[in-house]
PDB file of all heavy atoms in Angstrom:
ATOM      1  N   ASN A   1      91.507 103.079 100.485  1.00  0.00           N
ATOM      2  CA  ASN A   1      90.210 102.134 100.262  1.00  0.00           C
ATOM      3  C   ASN A   1      89.496 101.750 101.534  1.00  0.00           C
ATOM      4  O   ASN A   1      88.590 101.113 101.549  1.00  0.00           O
ATOM      5  CB  ASN A   1      90.666 100.905  99.461  1.00  0.00           C
ATOM      6  CG  ASN A   1      91.534 100.038 100.407  1.00  0.00           C
ATOM      7  OD1 ASN A   1      91.988 100.299 101.501  1.00  0.00           O
ATOM      8  ND2 ASN A   1      91.884  98.875  99.823  1.00  0.00           N
ATOM      9  N   GLY A   2      89.915 102.363 102.682  1.00  0.00           N
ATOM     10  CA  GLY A   2      89.323 102.191 103.982  1.00  0.00           C
ATOM     11  C   GLY A   2      89.611 100.816 104.638  1.00  0.00           C
ATOM     12  O   GLY A   2      89.103 100.502 105.632  1.00  0.00           O
ATOM     13  N   ALA A   3      90.588 100.119 104.086  1.00  0.00           N
ATOM     14  CA  ALA A   3      91.099  98.847 104.649  1.00  0.00           C
ATOM     15  C   ALA A   3      92.675  98.895 104.626  1.00  0.00           C
ATOM     16  O   ALA A   3      93.233  99.511 103.800  1.00  0.00           O
ATOM     17  CB  ALA A   3      90.712  97.654 103.884  1.00  0.00           C
ATOM     18  N   ILE A   4      93.320  98.187 105.647  1.00  0.00           N
ATOM     19  CA  ILE A   4      94.695  98.196 105.767  1.00  0.00           C
ATOM     20  C   ILE A   4      95.200  96.881 105.294  1.00  0.00           C
ATOM     21  O   ILE A   4      94.812  95.765 105.885  1.00  0.00           O
ATOM     22  CB  ILE A   4      95.179  98.502 107.171  1.00  0.00           C
ATOM     23  CG1 ILE A   4      94.676  99.863 107.545  1.00  0.00           C
ATOM     24  CG2 ILE A   4      96.647  98.359 107.421  1.00  0.00           C
ATOM     25  CD1 ILE A   4      94.901 100.203 109.086  1.00  0.00           C
ATOM     26  N   SER A   5      95.835  96.818 104.210  1.00  0.00           N
ATOM     27  CA  SER A   5      96.491  95.579 103.656  1.00  0.00           C
ATOM     28  C   SER A   5      97.702  95.123 104.418  1.00  0.00           C
ATOM     29  O   SER A   5      98.274  96.052 105.141  1.00  0.00           O
ATOM     30  CB  SER A   5      96.810  95.822 102.185  1.00  0.00           C
ATOM     31  OG  SER A   5      97.900  96.690 102.047  1.00  0.00           O
ATOM     32  N   LYS A   6      98.171  93.973 104.181  1.00  0.00           N
ATOM     33  CA  LYS A   6      99.440  93.533 104.768  1.00  0.00           C
ATOM     34  C   LYS A   6     100.561  94.395 104.316  1.00  0.00           C
ATOM     35  O   LYS A   6     101.465  94.708 105.126  1.00  0.00           O
ATOM     36  CB  LYS A   6      99.644  92.028 104.454  1.00  0.00           C
ATOM     37  CG  LYS A   6     100.789  91.427 104.983  1.00  0.00           C
ATOM     38  CD  LYS A   6     100.975  90.046 104.629  1.00  0.00           C
ATOM     39  CE  LYS A   6     102.289  89.393 105.281  1.00  0.00           C
ATOM     40  NZ  LYS A   6     102.590  87.950 104.844  1.00  0.00           N
ATOM     41  N   ALA A   7     100.628  94.678 103.104  1.00  0.00           N
ATOM     42  CA  ALA A   7     101.758  95.520 102.595  1.00  0.00           C
ATOM     43  C   ALA A   7     101.748  96.936 103.350  1.00  0.00           C
ATOM     44  O   ALA A   7     102.783  97.455 103.588  1.00  0.00           O
ATOM     45  CB  ALA A   7     101.538  95.644 101.006  1.00  0.00           C
ATOM     46  N   GLU A   8     100.565  97.576 103.421  1.00  0.00           N
ATOM     47  CA  GLU A   8     100.389  98.873 104.180  1.00  0.00           C
ATOM     48  C   GLU A   8     100.887  98.700 105.599  1.00  0.00           C
ATOM     49  O   GLU A   8     101.597  99.662 106.220  1.00  0.00           O
ATOM     50  CB  GLU A   8      98.937  99.392 104.047  1.00  0.00           C
ATOM     51  CG  GLU A   8      98.600  99.820 102.713  1.00  0.00           C
ATOM     52  CD  GLU A   8      97.119 100.175 102.571  1.00  0.00           C
ATOM     53  OE1 GLU A   8      96.321  99.531 103.232  1.00  0.00           O
ATOM     54  OE2 GLU A   8      96.784 101.065 101.711  1.00  0.00           O
ATOM     55  N   ARG A   9     100.466  97.670 106.231  1.00  0.00           N
ATOM     56  CA  ARG A   9     100.861  97.475 107.602  1.00  0.00           C
ATOM     57  C   ARG A   9     102.343  97.253 107.756  1.00  0.00           C
ATOM     58  O   ARG A   9     102.993  97.838 108.592  1.00  0.00           O
ATOM     59  CB  ARG A   9     100.108  96.151 108.228  1.00  0.00           C
ATOM     60  CG  ARG A   9     100.176  96.000 109.658  1.00  0.00           C
ATOM     61  CD  ARG A   9      99.269  94.922 110.223  1.00  0.00           C
ATOM     62  NE  ARG A   9      99.338  93.647 109.489  1.00  0.00           N
ATOM     63  CZ  ARG A   9      98.370  93.222 108.635  1.00  0.00           C
ATOM     64  NH1 ARG A   9      97.216  93.890 108.507  1.00  0.00           N
ATOM     65  NH2 ARG A   9      98.410  92.068 108.076  1.00  0.00           N
ATOM     66  N   GLU A  10     102.922  96.452 106.918  1.00  0.00           N
ATOM     67  CA  GLU A  10     104.394  96.294 106.962  1.00  0.00           C
ATOM     68  C   GLU A  10     105.146  97.588 106.591  1.00  0.00           C
ATOM     69  O   GLU A  10     106.163  97.826 107.230  1.00  0.00           O
ATOM     70  CB  GLU A  10     104.849  95.167 105.899  1.00  0.00           C
ATOM     71  CG  GLU A  10     104.316  93.881 106.399  1.00  0.00           C
ATOM     72  CD  GLU A  10     104.531  92.689 105.379  1.00  0.00           C
ATOM     73  OE1 GLU A  10     104.862  92.976 104.171  1.00  0.00           O
ATOM     74  OE2 GLU A  10     104.359  91.515 105.614  1.00  0.00           O
ATOM     75  N   ALA A  11     104.637  98.373 105.633  1.00  0.00           N
ATOM     76  CA  ALA A  11     105.297  99.670 105.351  1.00  0.00           C
ATOM     77  C   ALA A  11     105.169 100.563 106.491  1.00  0.00           C
ATOM     78  O   ALA A  11     106.185 101.301 106.866  1.00  0.00           O
ATOM     79  CB  ALA A  11     104.606 100.293 104.142  1.00  0.00           C
ATOM     80  N   ALA A  12     104.080 100.625 107.216  1.00  0.00           N
ATOM     81  CA  ALA A  12     103.939 101.454 108.387  1.00  0.00           C
ATOM     82  C   ALA A  12     104.890 100.985 109.550  1.00  0.00           C
ATOM     83  O   ALA A  12     105.512 101.870 110.184  1.00  0.00           O
ATOM     84  CB  ALA A  12     102.587 101.380 108.957  1.00  0.00           C
ATOM     85  N   GLN A  13     105.091  99.707 109.705  1.00  0.00           N
ATOM     86  CA  GLN A  13     105.926  99.205 110.688  1.00  0.00           C
ATOM     87  C   GLN A  13     107.461  99.512 110.358  1.00  0.00           C
ATOM     88  O   GLN A  13     108.156  99.928 111.241  1.00  0.00           O
ATOM     89  CB  GLN A  13     105.721  97.761 110.829  1.00  0.00           C
ATOM     90  CG  GLN A  13     106.674  97.120 111.939  1.00  0.00           C
ATOM     91  CD  GLN A  13     106.460  95.557 112.172  1.00  0.00           C
ATOM     92  OE1 GLN A  13     105.724  95.022 111.391  1.00  0.00           O
ATOM     93  NE2 GLN A  13     107.005  95.104 113.085  1.00  0.00           N
ATOM     94  N   GLU A  14     107.773  99.427 109.102  1.00  0.00           N
ATOM     95  CA  GLU A  14     109.157  99.770 108.651  1.00  0.00           C
ATOM     96  C   GLU A  14     109.417 101.261 108.830  1.00  0.00           C
ATOM     97  O   GLU A  14     110.491 101.574 109.351  1.00  0.00           O
ATOM     98  CB  GLU A  14     109.368  99.369 107.195  1.00  0.00           C
ATOM     99  CG  GLU A  14     109.467  97.887 107.048  1.00  0.00           C
ATOM    100  CD  GLU A  14     109.501  97.547 105.571  1.00  0.00           C
ATOM    101  OE1 GLU A  14     109.711  98.353 104.622  1.00  0.00           O
ATOM    102  OE2 GLU A  14     109.338  96.316 105.228  1.00  0.00           O
ATOM    103  N   ALA A  15     108.412 102.100 108.486  1.00  0.00           N
ATOM    104  CA  ALA A  15     108.602 103.523 108.754  1.00  0.00           C
ATOM    105  C   ALA A  15     108.721 103.800 110.275  1.00  0.00           C
ATOM    106  O   ALA A  15     109.584 104.621 110.539  1.00  0.00           O
ATOM    107  CB  ALA A  15     107.375 104.313 108.163  1.00  0.00           C
ATOM    108  N   ARG A  16     107.972 103.182 111.133  1.00  0.00           N
ATOM    109  CA  ARG A  16     107.999 103.339 112.473  1.00  0.00           C
ATOM    110  C   ARG A  16     109.468 102.996 113.001  1.00  0.00           C
ATOM    111  O   ARG A  16     110.014 103.773 113.784  1.00  0.00           O
ATOM    112  CB  ARG A  16     106.906 102.672 113.161  1.00  0.00           C
ATOM    113  CG  ARG A  16     106.706 102.956 114.668  1.00  0.00           C
ATOM    114  CD  ARG A  16     105.511 102.374 115.205  1.00  0.00           C
ATOM    115  NE  ARG A  16     105.238 100.965 114.855  1.00  0.00           N
ATOM    116  CZ  ARG A  16     104.298 100.588 114.094  1.00  0.00           C
ATOM    117  NH1 ARG A  16     103.474 101.423 113.601  1.00  0.00           N
ATOM    118  NH2 ARG A  16     104.080  99.309 113.803  1.00  0.00           N
ATOM    119  N   GLN A  17     109.900 101.818 112.580  1.00  0.00           N
ATOM    120  CA  GLN A  17     111.284 101.488 112.990  1.00  0.00           C
ATOM    121  C   GLN A  17     112.367 102.388 112.609  1.00  0.00           C
ATOM    122  O   GLN A  17     113.297 102.631 113.373  1.00  0.00           O
ATOM    123  CB  GLN A  17     111.536 100.034 112.558  1.00  0.00           C
ATOM    124  CG  GLN A  17     110.716  98.915 113.266  1.00  0.00           C
ATOM    125  CD  GLN A  17     110.762  97.644 112.640  1.00  0.00           C
ATOM    126  OE1 GLN A  17     111.193  97.452 111.467  1.00  0.00           O
ATOM    127  NE2 GLN A  17     110.366  96.578 113.377  1.00  0.00           N
ATOM    128  N   ALA A  18     112.219 102.987 111.354  1.00  0.00           N
ATOM    129  CA  ALA A  18     113.179 103.892 110.839  1.00  0.00           C
ATOM    130  C   ALA A  18     113.226 105.112 111.636  1.00  0.00           C
ATOM    131  O   ALA A  18     114.348 105.708 111.933  1.00  0.00           O
ATOM    132  CB  ALA A  18     112.819 104.226 109.303  1.00  0.00           C
ATOM    133  N   ARG A  19     112.029 105.654 112.053  1.00  0.00           N
ATOM    134  CA  ARG A  19     111.902 106.816 112.840  1.00  0.00           C
ATOM    135  C   ARG A  19     112.515 106.543 114.192  1.00  0.00           C
ATOM    136  O   ARG A  19     113.249 107.408 114.683  1.00  0.00           O
ATOM    137  CB  ARG A  19     110.406 107.324 113.042  1.00  0.00           C
ATOM    138  CG  ARG A  19     109.840 107.955 111.802  1.00  0.00           C
ATOM    139  CD  ARG A  19     108.514 108.562 112.071  1.00  0.00           C
ATOM    140  NE  ARG A  19     107.557 107.736 112.731  1.00  0.00           N
ATOM    141  CZ  ARG A  19     106.730 107.008 112.000  1.00  0.00           C
ATOM    142  NH1 ARG A  19     106.603 106.934 110.652  1.00  0.00           N
ATOM    143  NH2 ARG A  19     105.803 106.136 112.710  1.00  0.00           N
ATOM    144  N   ARG A  20     112.298 105.450 114.850  1.00  0.00           N
ATOM    145  CA  ARG A  20     112.941 105.087 116.093  1.00  0.00           C
ATOM    146  C   ARG A  20     114.409 105.034 116.031  1.00  0.00           C
ATOM    147  O   ARG A  20     115.032 105.533 116.881  1.00  0.00           O
ATOM    148  CB  ARG A  20     112.414 103.852 116.632  1.00  0.00           C
ATOM    149  CG  ARG A  20     110.960 103.786 117.189  1.00  0.00           C
ATOM    150  CD  ARG A  20     110.476 102.455 117.679  1.00  0.00           C
ATOM    151  NE  ARG A  20     109.189 102.534 118.023  1.00  0.00           N
ATOM    152  CZ  ARG A  20     108.416 101.558 118.232  1.00  0.00           C
ATOM    153  NH1 ARG A  20     108.803 100.286 117.899  1.00  0.00           N
ATOM    154  NH2 ARG A  20     107.292 101.645 118.692  1.00  0.00           N
ATOM    155  N   ALA A  21     115.000 104.390 114.909  1.00  0.00           N
ATOM    156  CA  ALA A  21     116.402 104.337 114.749  1.00  0.00           C
ATOM    157  C   ALA A  21     116.990 105.729 114.542  1.00  0.00           C
ATOM    158  O   ALA A  21     118.083 106.068 115.067  1.00  0.00           O
ATOM    159  CB  ALA A  21     116.781 103.455 113.551  1.00  0.00           C
ATOM    160  N   GLU A  22     116.316 106.528 113.809  1.00  0.00           N
ATOM    161  CA  GLU A  22     116.822 107.944 113.592  1.00  0.00           C
ATOM    162  C   GLU A  22     116.837 108.709 114.878  1.00  0.00           C
ATOM    163  O   GLU A  22     117.872 109.322 115.250  1.00  0.00           O
ATOM    164  CB  GLU A  22     115.931 108.676 112.565  1.00  0.00           C
ATOM    165  CG  GLU A  22     116.283 110.049 112.262  1.00  0.00           C
ATOM    166  CD  GLU A  22     115.399 110.732 111.281  1.00  0.00           C
ATOM    167  OE1 GLU A  22     114.903 109.993 110.391  1.00  0.00           O
ATOM    168  OE2 GLU A  22     115.132 111.972 111.414  1.00  0.00           O
ATOM    169  N   ARG A  23     115.822 108.600 115.712  1.00  0.00           N
ATOM    170  CA  ARG A  23     115.798 109.268 117.080  1.00  0.00           C
ATOM    171  C   ARG A  23     116.934 108.728 117.925  1.00  0.00           C
ATOM    172  O   ARG A  23     117.573 109.433 118.658  1.00  0.00           O
ATOM    173  CB  ARG A  23     114.466 109.184 117.732  1.00  0.00           C
ATOM    174  CG  ARG A  23     113.381 110.018 117.162  1.00  0.00           C
ATOM    175  CD  ARG A  23     112.038 110.107 118.000  1.00  0.00           C
ATOM    176  NE  ARG A  23     111.547 108.762 118.263  1.00  0.00           N
ATOM    177  CZ  ARG A  23     110.659 108.126 117.520  1.00  0.00           C
ATOM    178  NH1 ARG A  23     110.224 108.783 116.488  1.00  0.00           N
ATOM    179  NH2 ARG A  23     110.230 106.955 117.900  1.00  0.00           N
ATOM    180  N   ALA A  24     117.089 107.462 117.936  1.00  0.00           N
ATOM    181  CA  ALA A  24     118.204 106.779 118.782  1.00  0.00           C
ATOM    182  C   ALA A  24     119.501 107.323 118.355  1.00  0.00           C
ATOM    183  O   ALA A  24     120.315 107.565 119.154  1.00  0.00           O
ATOM    184  CB  ALA A  24     118.115 105.274 118.673  1.00  0.00           C
ATOM    185  N   ALA A  25     119.652 107.385 116.916  1.00  0.00           N
ATOM    186  CA  ALA A  25     120.986 107.854 116.458  1.00  0.00           C
ATOM    187  C   ALA A  25     121.226 109.355 116.867  1.00  0.00           C
ATOM    188  O   ALA A  25     122.317 109.787 117.242  1.00  0.00           O
ATOM    189  CB  ALA A  25     121.037 107.693 114.943  1.00  0.00           C
ATOM    190  N   LYS A  26     120.195 110.203 116.895  1.00  0.00           N
ATOM    191  CA  LYS A  26     120.279 111.529 117.355  1.00  0.00           C
ATOM    192  C   LYS A  26     120.739 111.589 118.695  1.00  0.00           C
ATOM    193  O   LYS A  26     121.622 112.505 119.183  1.00  0.00           O
ATOM    194  CB  LYS A  26     119.044 112.350 117.178  1.00  0.00           C
ATOM    195  CG  LYS A  26     118.782 112.703 115.674  1.00  0.00           C
ATOM    196  CD  LYS A  26     117.474 113.464 115.622  1.00  0.00           C
ATOM    197  CE  LYS A  26     117.214 113.868 114.281  1.00  0.00           C
ATOM    198  NZ  LYS A  26     115.790 114.504 114.181  1.00  0.00           N
ATOM    199  N   ARG A  27     120.265 110.698 119.614  1.00  0.00           N
ATOM    200  CA  ARG A  27     120.598 110.701 121.004  1.00  0.00           C
ATOM    201  C   ARG A  27     121.873 109.970 121.239  1.00  0.00           C
ATOM    202  O   ARG A  27     122.372 109.870 122.412  1.00  0.00           O
ATOM    203  CB  ARG A  27     119.523 109.975 121.863  1.00  0.00           C
ATOM    204  CG  ARG A  27     118.233 110.724 121.873  1.00  0.00           C
ATOM    205  CD  ARG A  27     117.343 110.095 122.858  1.00  0.00           C
ATOM    206  NE  ARG A  27     116.868 108.819 122.442  1.00  0.00           N
ATOM    207  CZ  ARG A  27     115.704 108.581 121.845  1.00  0.00           C
ATOM    208  NH1 ARG A  27     114.908 109.445 121.567  1.00  0.00           N
ATOM    209  NH2 ARG A  27     115.391 107.323 121.520  1.00  0.00           N
ATOM    210  N   GLY A  28     122.492 109.271 120.215  1.00  0.00           N
ATOM    211  CA  GLY A  28     123.701 108.596 120.335  1.00  0.00           C
ATOM    212  C   GLY A  28     123.631 107.252 120.982  1.00  0.00           C
ATOM    213  O   GLY A  28     124.511 106.781 121.613  1.00  0.00           O
ATOM    214  N   GLU A  29     122.420 106.648 120.840  1.00  0.00           N
ATOM    215  CA  GLU A  29     122.149 105.437 121.525  1.00  0.00           C
ATOM    216  C   GLU A  29     122.282 104.301 120.485  1.00  0.00           C
ATOM    217  O   GLU A  29     122.026 104.435 119.346  1.00  0.00           O
ATOM    218  CB  GLU A  29     120.722 105.442 122.096  1.00  0.00           C
ATOM    219  CG  GLU A  29     120.551 106.366 123.289  1.00  0.00           C
ATOM    220  CD  GLU A  29     119.103 106.346 123.771  1.00  0.00           C
ATOM    221  OE1 GLU A  29     118.301 105.702 123.126  1.00  0.00           O
ATOM    222  OE2 GLU A  29     118.921 106.924 124.875  1.00  0.00           O
ATOM    223  N   ASN A  30     122.524 103.137 121.073  1.00  0.00           N
ATOM    224  CA  ASN A  30     122.505 101.914 120.293  1.00  0.00           C
ATOM    225  C   ASN A  30     121.106 101.458 120.124  1.00  0.00           C
ATOM    226  O   ASN A  30     120.424 101.204 121.051  1.00  0.00           O
ATOM    227  CB  ASN A  30     123.322 100.798 121.021  1.00  0.00           C
ATOM    228  CG  ASN A  30     123.324  99.461 120.336  1.00  0.00           C
ATOM    229  OD1 ASN A  30     122.455  99.257 119.461  1.00  0.00           O
ATOM    230  ND2 ASN A  30     124.379  98.725 120.540  1.00  0.00           N
ATOM    231  N   ALA A  31     120.616 101.472 118.900  1.00  0.00           N
ATOM    232  CA  ALA A  31     119.195 101.221 118.602  1.00  0.00           C
ATOM    233  C   ALA A  31     118.784  99.796 118.959  1.00  0.00           C
ATOM    234  O   ALA A  31     117.677  99.616 119.551  1.00  0.00           O
ATOM    235  CB  ALA A  31     118.840 101.418 117.081  1.00  0.00           C
ATOM    236  N   THR A  32     119.657  98.896 118.950  1.00  0.00           N
ATOM    237  CA  THR A  32     119.388  97.526 119.205  1.00  0.00           C
ATOM    238  C   THR A  32     119.203  97.418 120.755  1.00  0.00           C
ATOM    239  O   THR A  32     118.214  96.856 121.253  1.00  0.00           O
ATOM    240  CB  THR A  32     120.549  96.492 118.809  1.00  0.00           C
ATOM    241  OG1 THR A  32     120.701  96.622 117.363  1.00  0.00           O
ATOM    242  CG2 THR A  32     120.182  95.148 119.138  1.00  0.00           C
ATOM    243  N   ALA A  33     120.087  97.896 121.576  1.00  0.00           N
ATOM    244  CA  ALA A  33     119.927  97.876 122.994  1.00  0.00           C
ATOM    245  C   ALA A  33     118.659  98.635 123.415  1.00  0.00           C
ATOM    246  O   ALA A  33     117.964  98.074 124.353  1.00  0.00           O
ATOM    247  CB  ALA A  33     121.154  98.566 123.623  1.00  0.00           C
ATOM    248  N   ARG A  34     118.375  99.794 122.882  1.00  0.00           N
ATOM    249  CA  ARG A  34     117.142 100.413 123.142  1.00  0.00           C
ATOM    250  C   ARG A  34     115.897  99.656 122.836  1.00  0.00           C
ATOM    251  O   ARG A  34     115.015  99.602 123.693  1.00  0.00           O
ATOM    252  CB  ARG A  34     117.156 101.817 122.455  1.00  0.00           C
ATOM    253  CG  ARG A  34     115.892 102.588 122.894  1.00  0.00           C
ATOM    254  CD  ARG A  34     116.059 104.086 122.496  1.00  0.00           C
ATOM    255  NE  ARG A  34     114.929 104.900 122.723  1.00  0.00           N
ATOM    256  CZ  ARG A  34     114.507 105.270 123.948  1.00  0.00           C
ATOM    257  NH1 ARG A  34     115.208 105.082 125.017  1.00  0.00           N
ATOM    258  NH2 ARG A  34     113.449 106.045 123.947  1.00  0.00           N
ATOM    259  N   GLY A  35     115.968  99.073 121.725  1.00  0.00           N
ATOM    260  CA  GLY A  35     114.788  98.223 121.305  1.00  0.00           C
ATOM    261  C   GLY A  35     114.619  97.038 122.259  1.00  0.00           C
ATOM    262  O   GLY A  35     113.427  96.651 122.631  1.00  0.00           O
ATOM    263  N   GLU A  36     115.682  96.471 122.704  1.00  0.00           N
ATOM    264  CA  GLU A  36     115.583  95.346 123.586  1.00  0.00           C
ATOM    265  C   GLU A  36     114.939  95.780 125.000  1.00  0.00           C
ATOM    266  O   GLU A  36     114.134  95.101 125.592  1.00  0.00           O
ATOM    267  CB  GLU A  36     116.940  94.695 123.972  1.00  0.00           C
ATOM    268  CG  GLU A  36     117.435  93.863 122.744  1.00  0.00           C
ATOM    269  CD  GLU A  36     118.839  93.497 122.803  1.00  0.00           C
ATOM    270  OE1 GLU A  36     119.480  93.760 123.891  1.00  0.00           O
ATOM    271  OE2 GLU A  36     119.404  92.814 121.933  1.00  0.00           O
TER     272      GLU A  36
END
């Protein structure tokens, strides 16, 4: 619809965090420590 709703923004953020956690797991890193 040409606008980003709060739900779309939150979904995008969750997807981004999931991708980061997946990459960290592949590298064998602690996602929390890397995030910090």
